[in-house]
Amino acid sequence: MSKREAKIKHGTQPGTIRVEWKIQQPEEAQTIIANEEMTLATFKATIARLEKDFGPIEVIDERKAD
């Protein structure tokens, strides 16, 4: 079974978030791991594209309420 997740954390700049991607594809014996800082709008567009390619991705929001 594949494991796909995106953990969202506060970004270093105002209006940004830090996203830690982890996409495991056991059938292809590969894991994609990336850390990126982006705006929320960019994240939404990126996750839509990745879900089209890899299937559903679990989003874990680790930001603390201000």
PDB file of N, CA and C in Angstrom:
ATOM      1  N   MET A   1       0.835  -1.192   0.000  1.00  0.00           N
ATOM      2  CA  MET A   1       0.000   0.000   0.000  1.00  0.00           C
ATOM      3  C   MET A   1       0.877   1.251   0.000  1.00  0.00           C
ATOM      4  N   SER A   2       0.538   2.191  -0.790  1.00  0.00           N
ATOM      5  CA  SER A   2       1.303   3.426  -0.879  1.00  0.00           C
ATOM      6  C   SER A   2       0.965   4.355   0.271  1.00  0.00           C
ATOM      7  N   LYS A   3       1.943   5.148   0.672  1.00  0.00           N
ATOM      8  CA  LYS A   3       1.720   6.161   1.688  1.00  0.00           C
ATOM      9  C   LYS A   3       2.069   7.502   1.070  1.00  0.00           C
ATOM     10  N   ARG A   4       1.099   8.406   1.114  1.00  0.00           N
ATOM     11  CA  ARG A   4       1.311   9.730   0.541  1.00  0.00           C
ATOM     12  C   ARG A   4       0.826  10.762   1.537  1.00  0.00           C
ATOM     13  N   GLU A   5       1.698  11.707   1.902  1.00  0.00           N
ATOM     14  CA  GLU A   5       1.276  12.730   2.840  1.00  0.00           C
ATOM     15  C   GLU A   5       2.008  14.036   2.597  1.00  0.00           C
ATOM     16  N   ALA A   6       1.369  15.108   3.052  1.00  0.00           N
ATOM     17  CA  ALA A   6       1.954  16.443   3.008  1.00  0.00           C
ATOM     18  C   ALA A   6       1.747  17.063   4.375  1.00  0.00           C
ATOM     19  N   LYS A   7       2.836  17.381   5.057  1.00  0.00           N
ATOM     20  CA  LYS A   7       2.750  18.030   6.361  1.00  0.00           C
ATOM     21  C   LYS A   7       2.958  19.529   6.157  1.00  0.00           C
ATOM     22  N   ILE A   8       2.014  20.319   6.682  1.00  0.00           N
ATOM     23  CA  ILE A   8       2.079  21.771   6.543  1.00  0.00           C
ATOM     24  C   ILE A   8       2.549  22.381   7.854  1.00  0.00           C
ATOM     25  N   LYS A   9       3.539  23.265   7.744  1.00  0.00           N
ATOM     26  CA  LYS A   9       4.064  23.988   8.902  1.00  0.00           C
ATOM     27  C   LYS A   9       4.133  25.468   8.550  1.00  0.00           C
ATOM     28  N   HIS A  10       4.383  26.311   9.546  1.00  0.00           N
ATOM     29  CA  HIS A  10       4.535  27.743   9.274  1.00  0.00           C
ATOM     30  C   HIS A  10       5.761  27.982   8.403  1.00  0.00           C
ATOM     31  N   GLY A  11       5.635  28.931   7.476  1.00  0.00           N
ATOM     32  CA  GLY A  11       6.763  29.310   6.645  1.00  0.00           C
ATOM     33  C   GLY A  11       7.637  30.331   7.358  1.00  0.00           C
ATOM     34  N   THR A  12       8.766  30.634   6.753  1.00  0.00           N
ATOM     35  CA  THR A  12       9.686  31.596   7.353  1.00  0.00           C
ATOM     36  C   THR A  12       9.344  33.031   6.960  1.00  0.00           C
ATOM     37  N   GLN A  13       8.556  33.176   5.918  1.00  0.00           N
ATOM     38  CA  GLN A  13       8.153  34.499   5.449  1.00  0.00           C
ATOM     39  C   GLN A  13       6.651  34.675   5.639  1.00  0.00           C
ATOM     40  N   PRO A  14       6.191  35.914   5.853  1.00  0.00           N
ATOM     41  CA  PRO A  14       4.749  36.149   5.975  1.00  0.00           C
ATOM     42  C   PRO A  14       4.011  35.653   4.724  1.00  0.00           C
ATOM     43  N   GLY A  15       2.902  34.993   4.927  1.00  0.00           N
ATOM     44  CA  GLY A  15       2.094  34.512   3.810  1.00  0.00           C
ATOM     45  C   GLY A  15       2.571  33.219   3.185  1.00  0.00           C
ATOM     46  N   THR A  16       3.553  32.550   3.818  1.00  0.00           N
ATOM     47  CA  THR A  16       4.032  31.290   3.252  1.00  0.00           C
ATOM     48  C   THR A  16       3.841  30.154   4.248  1.00  0.00           C
ATOM     49  N   ILE A  17       3.847  28.956   3.704  1.00  0.00           N
ATOM     50  CA  ILE A  17       3.809  27.737   4.511  1.00  0.00           C
ATOM     51  C   ILE A  17       4.989  26.878   4.087  1.00  0.00           C
ATOM     52  N   ARG A  18       5.438  26.016   4.969  1.00  0.00           N
ATOM     53  CA  ARG A  18       6.475  25.040   4.641  1.00  0.00           C
ATOM     54  C   ARG A  18       5.769  23.695   4.511  1.00  0.00           C
ATOM     55  N   VAL A  19       6.024  23.009   3.416  1.00  0.00           N
ATOM     56  CA  VAL A  19       5.381  21.723   3.151  1.00  0.00           C
ATOM     57  C   VAL A  19       6.440  20.636   3.054  1.00  0.00           C
ATOM     58  N   GLU A  20       6.245  19.571   3.830  1.00  0.00           N
ATOM     59  CA  GLU A  20       7.116  18.403   3.763  1.00  0.00           C
ATOM     60  C   GLU A  20       6.332  17.307   3.049  1.00  0.00           C
ATOM     61  N   TRP A  21       6.742  17.001   1.841  1.00  0.00           N
ATOM     62  CA  TRP A  21       6.081  15.975   1.038  1.00  0.00           C
ATOM     63  C   TRP A  21       6.733  14.625   1.295  1.00  0.00           C
ATOM     64  N   LYS A  22       5.920  13.579   1.367  1.00  0.00           N
ATOM     65  CA  LYS A  22       6.443  12.221   1.418  1.00  0.00           C
ATOM     66  C   LYS A  22       5.495  11.360   0.594  1.00  0.00           C
ATOM     67  N   ILE A  23       5.985  10.855  -0.509  1.00  0.00           N
ATOM     68  CA  ILE A  23       5.167  10.035  -1.404  1.00  0.00           C
ATOM     69  C   ILE A  23       5.913   8.730  -1.635  1.00  0.00           C
ATOM     70  N   GLN A  24       5.381   7.655  -1.079  1.00  0.00           N
ATOM     71  CA  GLN A  24       5.986   6.332  -1.247  1.00  0.00           C
ATOM     72  C   GLN A  24       5.183   5.546  -2.278  1.00  0.00           C
ATOM     73  N   GLN A  25       5.883   4.971  -3.189  1.00  0.00           N
ATOM     74  CA  GLN A  25       5.278   4.143  -4.224  1.00  0.00           C
ATOM     75  C   GLN A  25       5.971   2.779  -4.195  1.00  0.00           C
ATOM     76  N   PRO A  26       5.563   1.881  -3.284  1.00  0.00           N
ATOM     77  CA  PRO A  26       6.251   0.588  -3.161  1.00  0.00           C
ATOM     78  C   PRO A  26       6.292  -0.217  -4.456  1.00  0.00           C
ATOM     79  N   GLU A  27       5.245  -0.110  -5.249  1.00  0.00           N
ATOM     80  CA  GLU A  27       5.242  -0.887  -6.489  1.00  0.00           C
ATOM     81  C   GLU A  27       6.355  -0.450  -7.431  1.00  0.00           C
ATOM     82  N   GLU A  28       6.847   0.779  -7.241  1.00  0.00           N
ATOM     83  CA  GLU A  28       7.963   1.268  -8.050  1.00  0.00           C
ATOM     84  C   GLU A  28       9.243   1.376  -7.216  1.00  0.00           C
ATOM     85  N   ALA A  29       9.179   0.946  -5.945  1.00  0.00           N
ATOM     86  CA  ALA A  29      10.329   0.953  -5.027  1.00  0.00           C
ATOM     87  C   ALA A  29      10.995   2.327  -4.938  1.00  0.00           C
ATOM     88  N   GLN A  30      10.170   3.367  -4.828  1.00  0.00           N
ATOM     89  CA  GLN A  30      10.739   4.707  -4.701  1.00  0.00           C
ATOM     90  C   GLN A  30       9.959   5.530  -3.691  1.00  0.00           C
ATOM     91  N   THR A  31      10.650   6.470  -3.086  1.00  0.00           N
ATOM     92  CA  THR A  31      10.040   7.417  -2.164  1.00  0.00           C
ATOM     93  C   THR A  31      10.481   8.812  -2.567  1.00  0.00           C
ATOM     94  N   ILE A  32       9.524   9.698  -2.701  1.00  0.00           N
ATOM     95  CA  ILE A  32       9.825  11.087  -3.016  1.00  0.00           C
ATOM     96  C   ILE A  32       9.648  11.880  -1.725  1.00  0.00           C
ATOM     97  N   ILE A  33      10.696  12.571  -1.306  1.00  0.00           N
ATOM     98  CA  ILE A  33      10.632  13.405  -0.108  1.00  0.00           C
ATOM     99  C   ILE A  33      11.140  14.786  -0.496  1.00  0.00           C
ATOM    100  N   ALA A  34      10.381  15.811  -0.142  1.00  0.00           N
ATOM    101  CA  ALA A  34      10.800  17.173  -0.462  1.00  0.00           C
ATOM    102  C   ALA A  34      10.304  18.127   0.606  1.00  0.00           C
ATOM    103  N   ASN A  35      11.061  19.165   0.842  1.00  0.00           N
ATOM    104  CA  ASN A  35      10.676  20.264   1.712  1.00  0.00           C
ATOM    105  C   ASN A  35      10.615  21.512   0.849  1.00  0.00           C
ATOM    106  N   GLU A  36       9.475  22.183   0.860  1.00  0.00           N
ATOM    107  CA  GLU A  36       9.338  23.381   0.041  1.00  0.00           C
ATOM    108  C   GLU A  36       8.600  24.450   0.825  1.00  0.00           C
ATOM    109  N   GLU A  37       8.929  25.699   0.534  1.00  0.00           N
ATOM    110  CA  GLU A  37       8.191  26.817   1.095  1.00  0.00           C
ATOM    111  C   GLU A  37       7.409  27.451  -0.048  1.00  0.00           C
ATOM    112  N   MET A  38       6.123  27.710   0.194  1.00  0.00           N
ATOM    113  CA  MET A  38       5.268  28.222  -0.870  1.00  0.00           C
ATOM    114  C   MET A  38       4.058  28.925  -0.263  1.00  0.00           C
ATOM    115  N   THR A  39       3.296  29.575  -1.109  1.00  0.00           N
ATOM    116  CA  THR A  39       2.050  30.174  -0.641  1.00  0.00           C
ATOM    117  C   THR A  39       0.979  29.086  -0.602  1.00  0.00           C
ATOM    118  N   LEU A  40      -0.105  29.360   0.098  1.00  0.00           N
ATOM    119  CA  LEU A  40      -1.195  28.390   0.181  1.00  0.00           C
ATOM    120  C   LEU A  40      -1.804  28.130  -1.198  1.00  0.00           C
ATOM    121  N   ALA A  41      -1.914  29.166  -2.014  1.00  0.00           N
ATOM    122  CA  ALA A  41      -2.464  28.988  -3.369  1.00  0.00           C
ATOM    123  C   ALA A  41      -1.582  28.056  -4.203  1.00  0.00           C
ATOM    124  N   THR A  42      -0.267  28.217  -4.098  1.00  0.00           N
ATOM    125  CA  THR A  42       0.657  27.339  -4.824  1.00  0.00           C
ATOM    126  C   THR A  42       0.527  25.910  -4.317  1.00  0.00           C
ATOM    127  N   PHE A  43       0.392  25.746  -2.992  1.00  0.00           N
ATOM    128  CA  PHE A  43       0.218  24.416  -2.408  1.00  0.00           C
ATOM    129  C   PHE A  43      -1.018  23.732  -2.979  1.00  0.00           C
ATOM    130  N   LYS A  44      -2.130  24.458  -3.033  1.00  0.00           N
ATOM    131  CA  LYS A  44      -3.375  23.867  -3.543  1.00  0.00           C
ATOM    132  C   LYS A  44      -3.223  23.411  -4.994  1.00  0.00           C
ATOM    133  N   ALA A  45      -2.551  24.213  -5.804  1.00  0.00           N
ATOM    134  CA  ALA A  45      -2.333  23.837  -7.202  1.00  0.00           C
ATOM    135  C   ALA A  45      -1.378  22.642  -7.305  1.00  0.00           C
ATOM    136  N   THR A  46      -0.340  22.645  -6.477  1.00  0.00           N
ATOM    137  CA  THR A  46       0.644  21.561  -6.508  1.00  0.00           C
ATOM    138  C   THR A  46       0.029  20.244  -6.055  1.00  0.00           C
ATOM    139  N   ILE A  47      -0.739  20.275  -4.968  1.00  0.00           N
ATOM    140  CA  ILE A  47      -1.318  19.021  -4.474  1.00  0.00           C
ATOM    141  C   ILE A  47      -2.347  18.470  -5.462  1.00  0.00           C
ATOM    142  N   ALA A  48      -3.066  19.344  -6.138  1.00  0.00           N
ATOM    143  CA  ALA A  48      -4.023  18.873  -7.145  1.00  0.00           C
ATOM    144  C   ALA A  48      -3.298  18.123  -8.263  1.00  0.00           C
ATOM    145  N   ARG A  49      -2.151  18.669  -8.685  1.00  0.00           N
ATOM    146  CA  ARG A  49      -1.366  18.019  -9.745  1.00  0.00           C
ATOM    147  C   ARG A  49      -0.794  16.687  -9.264  1.00  0.00           C
ATOM    148  N   LEU A  50      -0.247  16.673  -8.032  1.00  0.00           N
ATOM    149  CA  LEU A  50       0.334  15.436  -7.502  1.00  0.00           C
ATOM    150  C   LEU A  50      -0.731  14.353  -7.292  1.00  0.00           C
ATOM    151  N   GLU A  51      -1.919  14.750  -6.821  1.00  0.00           N
ATOM    152  CA  GLU A  51      -2.979  13.761  -6.631  1.00  0.00           C
ATOM    153  C   GLU A  51      -3.430  13.174  -7.965  1.00  0.00           C
ATOM    154  N   LYS A  52      -3.373  13.971  -9.003  1.00  0.00           N
ATOM    155  CA  LYS A  52      -3.717  13.461 -10.338  1.00  0.00           C
ATOM    156  C   LYS A  52      -2.713  12.389 -10.768  1.00  0.00           C
ATOM    157  N   ASP A  53      -1.434  12.611 -10.435  1.00  0.00           N
ATOM    158  CA  ASP A  53      -0.372  11.671 -10.811  1.00  0.00           C
ATOM    159  C   ASP A  53      -0.276  10.456  -9.889  1.00  0.00           C
ATOM    160  N   PHE A  54      -0.422  10.671  -8.562  1.00  0.00           N
ATOM    161  CA  PHE A  54      -0.139   9.622  -7.586  1.00  0.00           C
ATOM    162  C   PHE A  54      -1.352   9.106  -6.809  1.00  0.00           C
ATOM    163  N   GLY A  55      -2.490   9.777  -6.891  1.00  0.00           N
ATOM    164  CA  GLY A  55      -3.653   9.391  -6.097  1.00  0.00           C
ATOM    165  C   GLY A  55      -3.770  10.271  -4.858  1.00  0.00           C
ATOM    166  N   PRO A  56      -4.739   9.979  -3.987  1.00  0.00           N
ATOM    167  CA  PRO A  56      -5.002  10.822  -2.821  1.00  0.00           C
ATOM    168  C   PRO A  56      -3.777  11.003  -1.919  1.00  0.00           C
ATOM    169  N   ILE A  57      -3.613  12.224  -1.424  1.00  0.00           N
ATOM    170  CA  ILE A  57      -2.521  12.563  -0.515  1.00  0.00           C
ATOM    171  C   ILE A  57      -3.128  13.076   0.783  1.00  0.00           C
ATOM    172  N   GLU A  58      -2.719  12.485   1.902  1.00  0.00           N
ATOM    173  CA  GLU A  58      -3.195  12.922   3.210  1.00  0.00           C
ATOM    174  C   GLU A  58      -2.495  14.228   3.580  1.00  0.00           C
ATOM    175  N   VAL A  59      -3.290  15.245   3.950  1.00  0.00           N
ATOM    176  CA  VAL A  59      -2.724  16.534   4.350  1.00  0.00           C
ATOM    177  C   VAL A  59      -2.783  16.632   5.869  1.00  0.00           C
ATOM    178  N   ILE A  60      -1.619  16.863   6.483  1.00  0.00           N
ATOM    179  CA  ILE A  60      -1.506  16.992   7.938  1.00  0.00           C
ATOM    180  C   ILE A  60      -1.081  18.421   8.232  1.00  0.00           C
ATOM    181  N   ASP A  61      -1.973  19.193   8.844  1.00  0.00           N
ATOM    182  CA  ASP A  61      -1.683  20.594   9.145  1.00  0.00           C
ATOM    183  C   ASP A  61      -1.101  20.683  10.545  1.00  0.00           C
ATOM    184  N   GLU A  62       0.192  20.957  10.646  1.00  0.00           N
ATOM    185  CA  GLU A  62       0.870  21.021  11.933  1.00  0.00           C
ATOM    186  C   GLU A  62       1.060  22.457  12.414  1.00  0.00           C
ATOM    187  N   ARG A  63       0.419  23.414  11.730  1.00  0.00           N
ATOM    188  CA  ARG A  63       0.542  24.800  12.176  1.00  0.00           C
ATOM    189  C   ARG A  63      -0.250  24.983  13.464  1.00  0.00           C
ATOM    190  N   LYS A  64       0.305  25.748  14.355  1.00  0.00           N
ATOM    191  CA  LYS A  64      -0.377  26.064  15.606  1.00  0.00           C
ATOM    192  C   LYS A  64      -1.256  27.292  15.378  1.00  0.00           C
ATOM    193  N   ALA A  65      -2.428  27.312  16.004  1.00  0.00           N
ATOM    194  CA  ALA A  65      -3.302  28.484  15.899  1.00  0.00           C
ATOM    195  C   ALA A  65      -2.635  29.673  16.582  1.00  0.00           C
ATOM    196  N   ASP A  66      -2.668  30.806  15.914  1.00  0.00           N
ATOM    197  CA  ASP A  66      -2.048  32.016  16.495  1.00  0.00           C
ATOM    198  C   ASP A  66      -3.014  32.705  17.430  1.00  0.00           C
TER     199      ASP A  66
END
